[in-house]
N, C-alpha and C. Protein backbone atom coordinates (compact mmCIF):
# COMPACT_ATOMS: atom_id res chain seq x y z
N MET A 1 -23.83 1.76 -30.88
CA MET A 1 -23.73 1.48 -29.45
C MET A 1 -23.64 -0.03 -29.25
N GLU A 2 -22.80 -0.39 -28.30
CA GLU A 2 -22.59 -1.79 -27.95
C GLU A 2 -23.19 -2.04 -26.58
N ASN A 3 -24.08 -3.04 -26.47
CA ASN A 3 -24.64 -3.42 -25.17
C ASN A 3 -23.57 -4.16 -24.38
N VAL A 4 -23.41 -3.78 -23.11
CA VAL A 4 -22.37 -4.37 -22.27
C VAL A 4 -22.88 -4.66 -20.86
N ILE A 5 -22.18 -5.58 -20.21
CA ILE A 5 -22.34 -5.84 -18.78
C ILE A 5 -21.04 -5.37 -18.14
N VAL A 6 -21.16 -4.57 -17.07
CA VAL A 6 -19.98 -3.98 -16.44
C VAL A 6 -19.93 -4.40 -14.98
N GLU A 7 -18.78 -4.92 -14.56
CA GLU A 7 -18.52 -5.25 -13.16
C GLU A 7 -17.69 -4.11 -12.60
N LEU A 8 -18.18 -3.48 -11.53
CA LEU A 8 -17.48 -2.32 -11.01
C LEU A 8 -17.54 -2.22 -9.50
N ILE A 9 -16.65 -1.40 -8.97
CA ILE A 9 -16.54 -1.17 -7.53
C ILE A 9 -17.32 0.09 -7.18
N VAL A 10 -18.17 -0.01 -6.15
CA VAL A 10 -18.94 1.14 -5.66
C VAL A 10 -18.87 1.17 -4.14
N ALA A 11 -19.22 2.29 -3.55
CA ALA A 11 -19.26 2.40 -2.09
C ALA A 11 -20.29 1.43 -1.53
N ALA A 12 -19.93 0.75 -0.46
CA ALA A 12 -20.78 -0.29 0.13
C ALA A 12 -22.12 0.24 0.63
N ASN A 13 -22.17 1.50 1.02
CA ASN A 13 -23.40 2.05 1.60
C ASN A 13 -24.40 2.54 0.56
N LEU A 14 -24.06 2.50 -0.72
CA LEU A 14 -24.97 3.00 -1.76
C LEU A 14 -25.99 1.96 -2.17
N THR A 15 -27.25 2.40 -2.28
CA THR A 15 -28.33 1.54 -2.76
C THR A 15 -29.30 2.40 -3.55
N GLY A 16 -30.18 1.75 -4.28
CA GLY A 16 -31.26 2.43 -4.98
C GLY A 16 -30.83 3.57 -5.87
N ALA A 17 -31.55 4.69 -5.77
CA ALA A 17 -31.31 5.85 -6.63
C ALA A 17 -29.92 6.44 -6.42
N ALA A 18 -29.43 6.43 -5.18
CA ALA A 18 -28.10 6.97 -4.91
C ALA A 18 -27.03 6.14 -5.62
N LEU A 19 -27.21 4.83 -5.65
CA LEU A 19 -26.28 3.95 -6.35
C LEU A 19 -26.28 4.25 -7.84
N MET A 20 -27.46 4.37 -8.42
CA MET A 20 -27.55 4.63 -9.86
C MET A 20 -26.96 6.00 -10.21
N GLN A 21 -27.17 7.00 -9.37
CA GLN A 21 -26.60 8.32 -9.62
C GLN A 21 -25.08 8.26 -9.56
N ASP A 22 -24.54 7.52 -8.60
CA ASP A 22 -23.10 7.37 -8.48
C ASP A 22 -22.52 6.68 -9.72
N VAL A 23 -23.18 5.64 -10.18
CA VAL A 23 -22.72 4.92 -11.38
C VAL A 23 -22.70 5.86 -12.59
N LYS A 24 -23.75 6.64 -12.76
CA LYS A 24 -23.82 7.56 -13.89
C LYS A 24 -22.71 8.63 -13.81
N THR A 25 -22.41 9.08 -12.59
CA THR A 25 -21.36 10.08 -12.40
C THR A 25 -19.98 9.47 -12.68
N GLU A 26 -19.75 8.28 -12.16
CA GLU A 26 -18.45 7.63 -12.30
C GLU A 26 -18.19 7.07 -13.70
N LEU A 27 -19.26 6.71 -14.40
CA LEU A 27 -19.13 6.10 -15.73
C LEU A 27 -19.88 6.91 -16.78
N PRO A 28 -19.42 8.13 -17.06
CA PRO A 28 -20.16 8.97 -18.02
C PRO A 28 -20.18 8.40 -19.45
N LEU A 29 -19.27 7.49 -19.76
CA LEU A 29 -19.25 6.87 -21.10
C LEU A 29 -20.36 5.84 -21.28
N LEU A 30 -20.94 5.40 -20.16
CA LEU A 30 -21.93 4.33 -20.19
C LEU A 30 -23.34 4.88 -20.13
N ASN A 31 -24.18 4.45 -21.05
CA ASN A 31 -25.61 4.75 -21.01
C ASN A 31 -26.25 3.62 -20.20
N VAL A 32 -26.47 3.86 -18.91
CA VAL A 32 -26.93 2.83 -17.98
C VAL A 32 -28.36 2.40 -18.30
N ASP A 33 -28.59 1.09 -18.31
CA ASP A 33 -29.92 0.52 -18.50
C ASP A 33 -30.67 0.64 -17.17
N GLU A 34 -31.60 1.57 -17.09
CA GLU A 34 -32.35 1.83 -15.85
C GLU A 34 -33.25 0.66 -15.47
N ASN A 35 -33.58 -0.21 -16.41
CA ASN A 35 -34.47 -1.34 -16.14
C ASN A 35 -33.74 -2.57 -15.61
N TYR A 36 -32.42 -2.52 -15.60
CA TYR A 36 -31.61 -3.65 -15.12
C TYR A 36 -31.20 -3.35 -13.69
N LYS A 37 -31.68 -4.15 -12.77
CA LYS A 37 -31.35 -3.95 -11.35
C LYS A 37 -29.91 -4.39 -11.10
N PRO A 38 -29.08 -3.52 -10.50
CA PRO A 38 -27.69 -3.89 -10.20
C PRO A 38 -27.65 -5.15 -9.33
N VAL A 39 -26.69 -6.02 -9.63
CA VAL A 39 -26.53 -7.27 -8.90
C VAL A 39 -25.21 -7.22 -8.15
N GLU A 40 -25.27 -7.45 -6.84
CA GLU A 40 -24.04 -7.46 -6.04
C GLU A 40 -23.32 -8.79 -6.25
N MET A 41 -22.00 -8.71 -6.40
CA MET A 41 -21.18 -9.89 -6.68
C MET A 41 -20.05 -10.01 -5.65
N VAL A 42 -19.55 -11.21 -5.50
CA VAL A 42 -18.33 -11.43 -4.73
C VAL A 42 -17.19 -11.35 -5.75
N PRO A 43 -16.20 -10.49 -5.51
CA PRO A 43 -15.12 -10.38 -6.50
C PRO A 43 -14.32 -11.67 -6.59
N GLY A 44 -13.83 -11.96 -7.78
CA GLY A 44 -12.99 -13.13 -7.98
C GLY A 44 -11.66 -12.95 -7.25
N GLU A 45 -10.92 -14.04 -7.10
CA GLU A 45 -9.64 -13.99 -6.40
C GLU A 45 -8.70 -12.95 -6.98
N GLN A 46 -8.67 -12.84 -8.31
CA GLN A 46 -7.75 -11.91 -8.96
C GLN A 46 -8.14 -10.45 -8.73
N ASP A 47 -9.38 -10.19 -8.33
CA ASP A 47 -9.86 -8.82 -8.13
C ASP A 47 -10.05 -8.44 -6.67
N ALA A 48 -10.05 -9.39 -5.77
CA ALA A 48 -10.37 -9.12 -4.35
C ALA A 48 -9.48 -8.04 -3.74
N ALA A 49 -8.21 -8.03 -4.07
CA ALA A 49 -7.29 -7.05 -3.50
C ALA A 49 -7.57 -5.62 -3.99
N LYS A 50 -8.27 -5.49 -5.10
CA LYS A 50 -8.59 -4.17 -5.66
C LYS A 50 -9.79 -3.52 -4.97
N VAL A 51 -10.55 -4.29 -4.20
CA VAL A 51 -11.79 -3.81 -3.61
C VAL A 51 -11.56 -3.43 -2.15
N PRO A 52 -11.67 -2.13 -1.82
CA PRO A 52 -11.49 -1.70 -0.42
C PRO A 52 -12.58 -2.27 0.49
N GLN A 53 -12.31 -2.31 1.78
CA GLN A 53 -13.28 -2.81 2.76
C GLN A 53 -14.57 -2.00 2.74
N SER A 54 -14.47 -0.73 2.39
CA SER A 54 -15.63 0.16 2.39
C SER A 54 -16.40 0.12 1.07
N ALA A 55 -16.14 -0.89 0.25
CA ALA A 55 -16.77 -0.96 -1.08
C ALA A 55 -17.39 -2.34 -1.32
N LYS A 56 -18.16 -2.41 -2.39
CA LYS A 56 -18.73 -3.67 -2.85
C LYS A 56 -18.61 -3.71 -4.37
N VAL A 57 -18.84 -4.87 -4.94
CA VAL A 57 -18.78 -5.05 -6.38
C VAL A 57 -20.18 -5.32 -6.89
N ILE A 58 -20.55 -4.61 -7.96
CA ILE A 58 -21.85 -4.83 -8.59
C ILE A 58 -21.66 -5.07 -10.09
N VAL A 59 -22.70 -5.62 -10.68
CA VAL A 59 -22.76 -5.78 -12.13
C VAL A 59 -23.97 -5.00 -12.61
N ILE A 60 -23.75 -4.19 -13.65
CA ILE A 60 -24.84 -3.42 -14.25
C ILE A 60 -24.83 -3.64 -15.76
N ARG A 61 -25.90 -3.21 -16.39
CA ARG A 61 -26.03 -3.32 -17.84
C ARG A 61 -26.14 -1.93 -18.42
N GLY A 62 -25.61 -1.77 -19.63
CA GLY A 62 -25.72 -0.49 -20.30
C GLY A 62 -25.25 -0.59 -21.73
N ALA A 63 -25.01 0.56 -22.32
CA ALA A 63 -24.53 0.62 -23.70
C ALA A 63 -23.43 1.67 -23.76
N VAL A 64 -22.45 1.40 -24.62
CA VAL A 64 -21.31 2.29 -24.78
C VAL A 64 -20.97 2.37 -26.27
N GLU A 65 -20.51 3.53 -26.69
CA GLU A 65 -20.04 3.66 -28.07
C GLU A 65 -18.84 2.73 -28.25
N GLU A 66 -18.78 2.05 -29.37
CA GLU A 66 -17.68 1.13 -29.62
C GLU A 66 -16.33 1.84 -29.50
N SER A 67 -16.28 3.08 -29.92
CA SER A 67 -15.03 3.85 -29.84
C SER A 67 -14.62 4.18 -28.40
N ASP A 68 -15.56 4.07 -27.44
CA ASP A 68 -15.27 4.37 -26.03
C ASP A 68 -15.06 3.11 -25.18
N MET A 69 -15.16 1.93 -25.79
CA MET A 69 -15.05 0.67 -25.05
C MET A 69 -13.71 0.58 -24.31
N ALA A 70 -12.61 0.88 -24.96
CA ALA A 70 -11.29 0.79 -24.32
C ALA A 70 -11.18 1.78 -23.16
N LYS A 71 -11.73 2.97 -23.32
CA LYS A 71 -11.70 3.97 -22.25
C LYS A 71 -12.49 3.48 -21.03
N LEU A 72 -13.65 2.88 -21.28
CA LEU A 72 -14.49 2.35 -20.20
C LEU A 72 -13.72 1.29 -19.42
N LYS A 73 -13.06 0.40 -20.12
CA LYS A 73 -12.31 -0.69 -19.47
C LYS A 73 -11.16 -0.17 -18.63
N GLN A 74 -10.64 1.01 -18.93
CA GLN A 74 -9.49 1.56 -18.22
C GLN A 74 -9.86 2.35 -16.96
N LEU A 75 -11.13 2.62 -16.74
CA LEU A 75 -11.53 3.39 -15.56
C LEU A 75 -11.22 2.62 -14.28
N ASP A 76 -10.75 3.33 -13.26
CA ASP A 76 -10.30 2.70 -12.01
C ASP A 76 -11.33 1.79 -11.36
N LYS A 77 -12.57 2.20 -11.35
CA LYS A 77 -13.60 1.43 -10.65
C LYS A 77 -14.13 0.25 -11.46
N VAL A 78 -13.78 0.17 -12.72
CA VAL A 78 -14.27 -0.91 -13.58
C VAL A 78 -13.34 -2.11 -13.47
N LEU A 79 -13.92 -3.27 -13.11
CA LEU A 79 -13.13 -4.49 -13.04
C LEU A 79 -13.16 -5.24 -14.37
N HIS A 80 -14.36 -5.36 -14.96
CA HIS A 80 -14.51 -6.11 -16.21
C HIS A 80 -15.65 -5.52 -17.04
N VAL A 81 -15.54 -5.67 -18.34
CA VAL A 81 -16.60 -5.28 -19.27
C VAL A 81 -16.80 -6.45 -20.24
N TRP A 82 -18.04 -6.89 -20.39
CA TRP A 82 -18.36 -7.96 -21.33
C TRP A 82 -19.42 -7.47 -22.31
N THR A 83 -19.30 -7.90 -23.54
CA THR A 83 -20.34 -7.62 -24.52
C THR A 83 -21.58 -8.42 -24.15
N ASP A 84 -22.73 -7.77 -24.18
CA ASP A 84 -24.01 -8.40 -23.83
C ASP A 84 -24.72 -8.74 -25.13
N GLY A 85 -24.48 -9.92 -25.63
CA GLY A 85 -25.09 -10.34 -26.88
C GLY A 85 -26.59 -10.50 -26.77
N LYS A 86 -27.24 -10.32 -27.88
CA LYS A 86 -28.69 -10.44 -27.92
C LYS A 86 -29.05 -11.91 -28.15
N ALA A 87 -29.87 -12.46 -27.27
CA ALA A 87 -30.31 -13.85 -27.42
C ALA A 87 -31.53 -13.89 -28.34
N GLU A 88 -31.48 -14.76 -29.31
CA GLU A 88 -32.60 -14.90 -30.23
C GLU A 88 -32.98 -16.36 -30.37
N ALA A 89 -34.23 -16.59 -30.65
CA ALA A 89 -34.71 -17.96 -30.87
C ALA A 89 -34.08 -18.52 -32.14
N PHE A 90 -33.91 -19.83 -32.17
CA PHE A 90 -33.35 -20.44 -33.37
C PHE A 90 -34.25 -21.45 -33.96
């Protein structure tokens, strides 16, 4: 499993448990990190046109099988996926 940060489009009215349930339904490939509170973001210029007025952009954390990474990136509601590297002391 690869730890990832995912930027995605969700309905603007979703919060709390309803938001997390929607994310799990929309992104079945992602094992959502329940301890990471979703962060609302302003979409970048290149993504703004993809976000409907009735939606918002959030960032969540989770894990995905390496073999499913490309599939996750291709989902309509997913704007970006980044590998979430582990920070260690040096």
